[in-house]
Amino acid sequence: MQPEEAIEAARRRAAELRAQGIYPPVAPDPGPPAVTDPDPGQLHEWALIEPDLREVRSTRRYGAPMTAFKRTLLRLLGQYLGQIISQQSRFNVHLLIRVRALEQRVEELERLRDEQ
């Protein structure tokens, strides 16, 4: 039996078993989950980067020395990483402000269009 024939045979057999009530009927595909727009406060919270340094650890079997090394390295690179994090947070907040301004502009234009 060829793979294409096996697929068709399996589909026919499944259809027979469904007709007999052995297999449950095929459920319709629910589609992608509904996406809700986050509120502005949530967006602002997401824009600010605040890494939790307690999360720096190793999950290896004897990970204590590796965890100590990672935390030491993080302390040594702290100023450099702090500058990168603050630059990224500033960019995120400015981008968020710009997106909000554009949303308000679109809403205003749609309102004006609907009034005409």
N, C-alpha and C. Protein backbone atom coordinates (compact mmCIF):
# COMPACT_ATOMS: atom_id res chain seq x y z
N MET A 1 0.85 -1.18 0.00
CA MET A 1 0.00 0.00 0.00
C MET A 1 0.90 1.24 0.00
N GLN A 2 0.57 2.21 -0.82
CA GLN A 2 1.31 3.47 -0.91
C GLN A 2 0.85 4.42 0.20
N PRO A 3 1.71 5.39 0.58
CA PRO A 3 1.31 6.33 1.64
C PRO A 3 0.01 7.05 1.35
N GLU A 4 -0.19 7.46 0.09
CA GLU A 4 -1.43 8.17 -0.26
C GLU A 4 -2.65 7.26 -0.06
N GLU A 5 -2.49 5.96 -0.39
CA GLU A 5 -3.57 5.01 -0.21
C GLU A 5 -3.83 4.77 1.27
N ALA A 6 -2.76 4.75 2.08
CA ALA A 6 -2.90 4.51 3.52
C ALA A 6 -3.67 5.65 4.17
N ILE A 7 -3.40 6.86 3.75
CA ILE A 7 -4.11 8.02 4.32
C ILE A 7 -5.59 7.92 4.01
N GLU A 8 -5.91 7.64 2.75
CA GLU A 8 -7.31 7.52 2.37
C GLU A 8 -7.99 6.36 3.10
N ALA A 9 -7.29 5.22 3.24
CA ALA A 9 -7.86 4.08 3.94
C ALA A 9 -8.13 4.43 5.41
N ALA A 10 -7.20 5.15 6.03
CA ALA A 10 -7.38 5.56 7.43
C ALA A 10 -8.56 6.52 7.56
N ARG A 11 -8.71 7.42 6.61
CA ARG A 11 -9.84 8.36 6.65
C ARG A 11 -11.16 7.63 6.49
N ARG A 12 -11.20 6.65 5.57
CA ARG A 12 -12.43 5.87 5.38
C ARG A 12 -12.77 5.09 6.64
N ARG A 13 -11.76 4.45 7.24
CA ARG A 13 -11.99 3.66 8.45
C ARG A 13 -12.46 4.55 9.60
N ALA A 14 -11.87 5.73 9.75
CA ALA A 14 -12.29 6.66 10.79
C ALA A 14 -13.72 7.11 10.56
N ALA A 15 -14.10 7.35 9.30
CA ALA A 15 -15.47 7.76 8.98
C ALA A 15 -16.45 6.64 9.33
N GLU A 16 -16.06 5.37 9.05
CA GLU A 16 -16.92 4.24 9.41
C GLU A 16 -17.10 4.15 10.93
N LEU A 17 -16.01 4.32 11.67
CA LEU A 17 -16.09 4.24 13.13
C LEU A 17 -16.89 5.40 13.71
N ARG A 18 -16.81 6.56 13.08
CA ARG A 18 -17.64 7.69 13.53
C ARG A 18 -19.12 7.40 13.27
N ALA A 19 -19.39 6.78 12.12
CA ALA A 19 -20.78 6.44 11.79
C ALA A 19 -21.33 5.43 12.78
N GLN A 20 -20.49 4.55 13.30
CA GLN A 20 -20.92 3.55 14.29
C GLN A 20 -20.98 4.13 15.69
N GLY A 21 -20.46 5.36 15.87
CA GLY A 21 -20.49 6.00 17.17
C GLY A 21 -19.29 5.67 18.04
N ILE A 22 -18.32 4.96 17.48
CA ILE A 22 -17.13 4.61 18.25
C ILE A 22 -16.20 5.82 18.39
N TYR A 23 -16.01 6.54 17.30
CA TYR A 23 -15.22 7.77 17.33
C TYR A 23 -16.16 8.96 17.50
N PRO A 24 -15.75 9.96 18.26
CA PRO A 24 -16.60 11.15 18.36
C PRO A 24 -16.58 11.92 17.03
N PRO A 25 -17.61 12.69 16.77
CA PRO A 25 -17.60 13.48 15.53
C PRO A 25 -16.47 14.50 15.54
N VAL A 26 -16.07 14.87 14.37
CA VAL A 26 -14.99 15.84 14.23
C VAL A 26 -15.50 17.20 14.68
N ALA A 27 -14.77 17.81 15.60
CA ALA A 27 -15.15 19.13 16.09
C ALA A 27 -14.71 20.19 15.08
N PRO A 28 -15.51 21.21 14.90
CA PRO A 28 -15.09 22.27 13.98
C PRO A 28 -13.88 23.01 14.54
N ASP A 29 -13.05 23.49 13.64
CA ASP A 29 -11.85 24.23 14.04
C ASP A 29 -12.27 25.56 14.66
N PRO A 30 -11.88 25.81 15.93
CA PRO A 30 -12.30 27.06 16.57
C PRO A 30 -11.59 28.28 16.01
N GLY A 31 -10.53 28.08 15.26
CA GLY A 31 -9.79 29.21 14.71
C GLY A 31 -8.85 29.78 15.74
N PRO A 32 -8.18 30.86 15.38
CA PRO A 32 -7.23 31.46 16.31
C PRO A 32 -7.95 32.08 17.51
N PRO A 33 -7.27 32.13 18.64
CA PRO A 33 -7.91 32.74 19.81
C PRO A 33 -8.16 34.22 19.59
N ALA A 34 -9.18 34.72 20.26
CA ALA A 34 -9.51 36.14 20.12
C ALA A 34 -8.41 36.98 20.75
N VAL A 35 -8.01 38.00 20.04
CA VAL A 35 -6.96 38.90 20.53
C VAL A 35 -7.63 40.16 21.05
N THR A 36 -7.33 40.50 22.28
CA THR A 36 -7.88 41.71 22.86
C THR A 36 -6.78 42.76 22.94
N ASP A 37 -7.16 43.99 22.72
CA ASP A 37 -6.19 45.06 22.82
C ASP A 37 -5.86 45.32 24.28
N PRO A 38 -4.57 45.37 24.60
CA PRO A 38 -4.21 45.68 25.99
C PRO A 38 -4.53 47.13 26.31
N ASP A 39 -4.83 47.39 27.58
CA ASP A 39 -5.13 48.76 27.95
C ASP A 39 -3.83 49.57 27.98
N PRO A 40 -3.92 50.91 27.90
CA PRO A 40 -2.72 51.75 27.85
C PRO A 40 -1.77 51.54 29.03
N GLY A 41 -2.31 51.28 30.20
CA GLY A 41 -1.45 51.03 31.36
C GLY A 41 -0.60 49.78 31.18
N GLN A 42 -1.21 48.74 30.60
CA GLN A 42 -0.48 47.50 30.36
C GLN A 42 0.60 47.73 29.31
N LEU A 43 0.30 48.48 28.27
CA LEU A 43 1.31 48.78 27.26
C LEU A 43 2.49 49.56 27.86
N HIS A 44 2.18 50.51 28.71
CA HIS A 44 3.24 51.29 29.35
C HIS A 44 4.11 50.39 30.23
N GLU A 45 3.47 49.47 30.94
CA GLU A 45 4.21 48.54 31.79
C GLU A 45 5.12 47.65 30.95
N TRP A 46 4.63 47.20 29.80
CA TRP A 46 5.44 46.35 28.93
C TRP A 46 6.59 47.12 28.29
N ALA A 47 6.42 48.42 28.09
CA ALA A 47 7.45 49.23 27.44
C ALA A 47 8.69 49.38 28.31
N LEU A 48 8.51 49.36 29.63
CA LEU A 48 9.64 49.53 30.52
C LEU A 48 10.28 48.18 30.81
N ILE A 49 11.58 48.12 30.56
CA ILE A 49 12.31 46.87 30.76
C ILE A 49 12.88 46.88 32.17
N GLU A 50 12.49 45.90 32.96
CA GLU A 50 13.00 45.76 34.32
C GLU A 50 13.35 44.30 34.56
N PRO A 51 14.56 43.89 34.19
CA PRO A 51 14.91 42.48 34.38
C PRO A 51 15.02 42.14 35.87
N ASP A 52 14.58 40.96 36.20
CA ASP A 52 14.67 40.48 37.58
C ASP A 52 15.99 39.71 37.71
N LEU A 53 16.93 40.29 38.42
CA LEU A 53 18.25 39.70 38.53
C LEU A 53 18.24 38.41 39.36
N ARG A 54 17.18 38.18 40.11
CA ARG A 54 17.07 36.93 40.85
C ARG A 54 16.83 35.75 39.92
N GLU A 55 16.41 36.05 38.68
CA GLU A 55 16.17 34.99 37.71
C GLU A 55 17.47 34.45 37.11
N VAL A 56 18.59 35.08 37.39
CA VAL A 56 19.88 34.63 36.86
C VAL A 56 20.33 33.44 37.68
N ARG A 57 20.27 32.27 37.06
CA ARG A 57 20.69 31.05 37.73
C ARG A 57 20.96 29.99 36.69
N SER A 58 21.58 28.93 37.12
CA SER A 58 21.85 27.81 36.23
C SER A 58 20.98 26.64 36.65
N THR A 59 20.48 25.92 35.68
CA THR A 59 19.62 24.77 35.98
C THR A 59 20.36 23.46 35.79
N ARG A 60 21.67 23.53 35.64
CA ARG A 60 22.46 22.31 35.47
C ARG A 60 22.54 21.52 36.77
N ARG A 61 23.06 20.33 36.66
CA ARG A 61 23.15 19.45 37.83
C ARG A 61 23.96 20.09 38.95
N TYR A 62 25.14 20.56 38.65
CA TYR A 62 25.98 21.26 39.63
C TYR A 62 26.06 22.71 39.21
N GLY A 63 24.93 23.38 39.26
CA GLY A 63 24.82 24.72 38.71
C GLY A 63 25.24 25.85 39.62
N ALA A 64 25.51 25.58 40.90
CA ALA A 64 25.87 26.66 41.82
C ALA A 64 27.10 27.45 41.36
N PRO A 65 28.18 26.80 40.94
CA PRO A 65 29.33 27.60 40.46
C PRO A 65 28.99 28.42 39.22
N MET A 66 28.18 27.85 38.33
CA MET A 66 27.80 28.59 37.12
C MET A 66 26.90 29.76 37.48
N THR A 67 26.00 29.59 38.43
CA THR A 67 25.15 30.69 38.89
C THR A 67 26.00 31.80 39.48
N ALA A 68 26.97 31.45 40.30
CA ALA A 68 27.87 32.45 40.89
C ALA A 68 28.63 33.19 39.79
N PHE A 69 29.10 32.46 38.78
CA PHE A 69 29.82 33.10 37.67
C PHE A 69 28.91 34.06 36.92
N LYS A 70 27.69 33.63 36.63
CA LYS A 70 26.75 34.48 35.90
C LYS A 70 26.44 35.76 36.68
N ARG A 71 26.21 35.62 37.97
CA ARG A 71 25.89 36.80 38.78
C ARG A 71 27.08 37.74 38.89
N THR A 72 28.29 37.19 39.00
CA THR A 72 29.50 38.02 39.02
C THR A 72 29.65 38.75 37.70
N LEU A 73 29.46 38.05 36.61
CA LEU A 73 29.56 38.66 35.29
C LEU A 73 28.52 39.76 35.12
N LEU A 74 27.32 39.51 35.62
CA LEU A 74 26.26 40.52 35.56
C LEU A 74 26.63 41.76 36.36
N ARG A 75 27.25 41.57 37.54
CA ARG A 75 27.70 42.70 38.35
C ARG A 75 28.78 43.49 37.63
N LEU A 76 29.72 42.78 36.98
CA LEU A 76 30.80 43.45 36.27
C LEU A 76 30.30 44.23 35.06
N LEU A 77 29.28 43.71 34.40
CA LEU A 77 28.74 44.36 33.20
C LEU A 77 27.53 45.22 33.52
N GLY A 78 27.24 45.43 34.78
CA GLY A 78 26.04 46.14 35.20
C GLY A 78 25.86 47.51 34.57
N GLN A 79 26.92 48.32 34.54
CA GLN A 79 26.78 49.66 33.98
C GLN A 79 26.46 49.59 32.49
N TYR A 80 27.16 48.73 31.78
CA TYR A 80 26.94 48.58 30.35
C TYR A 80 25.51 48.10 30.08
N LEU A 81 25.09 47.06 30.80
CA LEU A 81 23.74 46.53 30.61
C LEU A 81 22.68 47.55 31.02
N GLY A 82 22.95 48.30 32.09
CA GLY A 82 22.00 49.34 32.52
C GLY A 82 21.78 50.39 31.46
N GLN A 83 22.85 50.77 30.77
CA GLN A 83 22.73 51.77 29.69
C GLN A 83 21.91 51.22 28.53
N ILE A 84 22.15 49.97 28.18
CA ILE A 84 21.39 49.36 27.08
C ILE A 84 19.91 49.24 27.45
N ILE A 85 19.65 48.81 28.67
CA ILE A 85 18.26 48.65 29.11
C ILE A 85 17.55 50.00 29.14
N SER A 86 18.24 51.05 29.62
CA SER A 86 17.58 52.36 29.68
C SER A 86 17.34 52.91 28.28
N GLN A 87 18.28 52.69 27.35
CA GLN A 87 18.07 53.15 25.98
C GLN A 87 16.89 52.43 25.34
N GLN A 88 16.80 51.12 25.55
CA GLN A 88 15.70 50.36 24.97
C GLN A 88 14.37 50.78 25.59
N SER A 89 14.35 51.01 26.90
CA SER A 89 13.12 51.44 27.56
C SER A 89 12.68 52.81 27.05
N ARG A 90 13.63 53.73 26.88
CA ARG A 90 13.29 55.06 26.34
C ARG A 90 12.70 54.93 24.95
N PHE A 91 13.33 54.11 24.11
CA PHE A 91 12.82 53.90 22.76
C PHE A 91 11.40 53.34 22.80
N ASN A 92 11.19 52.33 23.66
CA ASN A 92 9.86 51.71 23.76
C ASN A 92 8.80 52.72 24.17
N VAL A 93 9.12 53.57 25.16
CA VAL A 93 8.15 54.56 25.63
C VAL A 93 7.86 55.60 24.55
N HIS A 94 8.91 56.08 23.85
CA HIS A 94 8.69 57.06 22.77
C HIS A 94 7.88 56.44 21.64
N LEU A 95 8.15 55.19 21.33
CA LEU A 95 7.38 54.52 20.29
C LEU A 95 5.92 54.37 20.71
N LEU A 96 5.70 54.03 21.97
CA LEU A 96 4.34 53.91 22.49
C LEU A 96 3.60 55.24 22.41
N ILE A 97 4.27 56.33 22.77
CA ILE A 97 3.66 57.66 22.68
C ILE A 97 3.30 57.99 21.24
N ARG A 98 4.20 57.65 20.32
CA ARG A 98 3.95 57.93 18.90
C ARG A 98 2.77 57.10 18.38
N VAL A 99 2.70 55.86 18.77
CA VAL A 99 1.60 55.00 18.32
C VAL A 99 0.28 55.51 18.87
N ARG A 100 0.27 55.93 20.13
CA ARG A 100 -0.97 56.49 20.71
C ARG A 100 -1.39 57.74 19.96
N ALA A 101 -0.43 58.61 19.62
CA ALA A 101 -0.76 59.83 18.87
C ALA A 101 -1.35 59.47 17.51
N LEU A 102 -0.78 58.47 16.85
CA LEU A 102 -1.31 58.06 15.55
C LEU A 102 -2.71 57.45 15.69
N GLU A 103 -2.94 56.69 16.75
CA GLU A 103 -4.28 56.13 16.98
C GLU A 103 -5.30 57.25 17.18
N GLN A 104 -4.93 58.26 17.95
CA GLN A 104 -5.85 59.38 18.16
C GLN A 104 -6.11 60.12 16.86
N ARG A 105 -5.07 60.26 16.03
CA ARG A 105 -5.23 60.94 14.75
C ARG A 105 -6.18 60.16 13.84
N VAL A 106 -6.02 58.85 13.81
CA VAL A 106 -6.90 58.02 12.98
C VAL A 106 -8.33 58.11 13.49
N GLU A 107 -8.52 58.06 14.80
CA GLU A 107 -9.87 58.18 15.36
C GLU A 107 -10.50 59.51 14.99
N GLU A 108 -9.72 60.58 15.05
CA GLU A 108 -10.23 61.92 14.70
C GLU A 108 -10.61 61.97 13.22
N LEU A 109 -9.76 61.40 12.35
CA LEU A 109 -10.06 61.40 10.92
C LEU A 109 -11.29 60.55 10.63
N GLU A 110 -11.43 59.42 11.32
CA GLU A 110 -12.63 58.58 11.11
C GLU A 110 -13.87 59.31 11.60
N ARG A 111 -13.76 60.04 12.69
CA ARG A 111 -14.90 60.80 13.20
C ARG A 111 -15.30 61.86 12.19
N LEU A 112 -14.31 62.58 11.65
CA LEU A 112 -14.61 63.62 10.65
C LEU A 112 -15.23 62.99 9.39
N ARG A 113 -14.75 61.85 8.99
CA ARG A 113 -15.30 61.17 7.81
C ARG A 113 -16.75 60.77 8.06
N ASP A 114 -17.04 60.27 9.24
CA ASP A 114 -18.40 59.82 9.55
C ASP A 114 -19.38 60.98 9.67
N GLU A 115 -18.87 62.17 10.04
CA GLU A 115 -19.74 63.34 10.15
C GLU A 115 -20.17 63.87 8.79
N GLN A 116 -19.40 63.59 7.77
CA GLN A 116 -19.72 64.13 6.44
C GLN A 116 -20.78 63.36 5.75
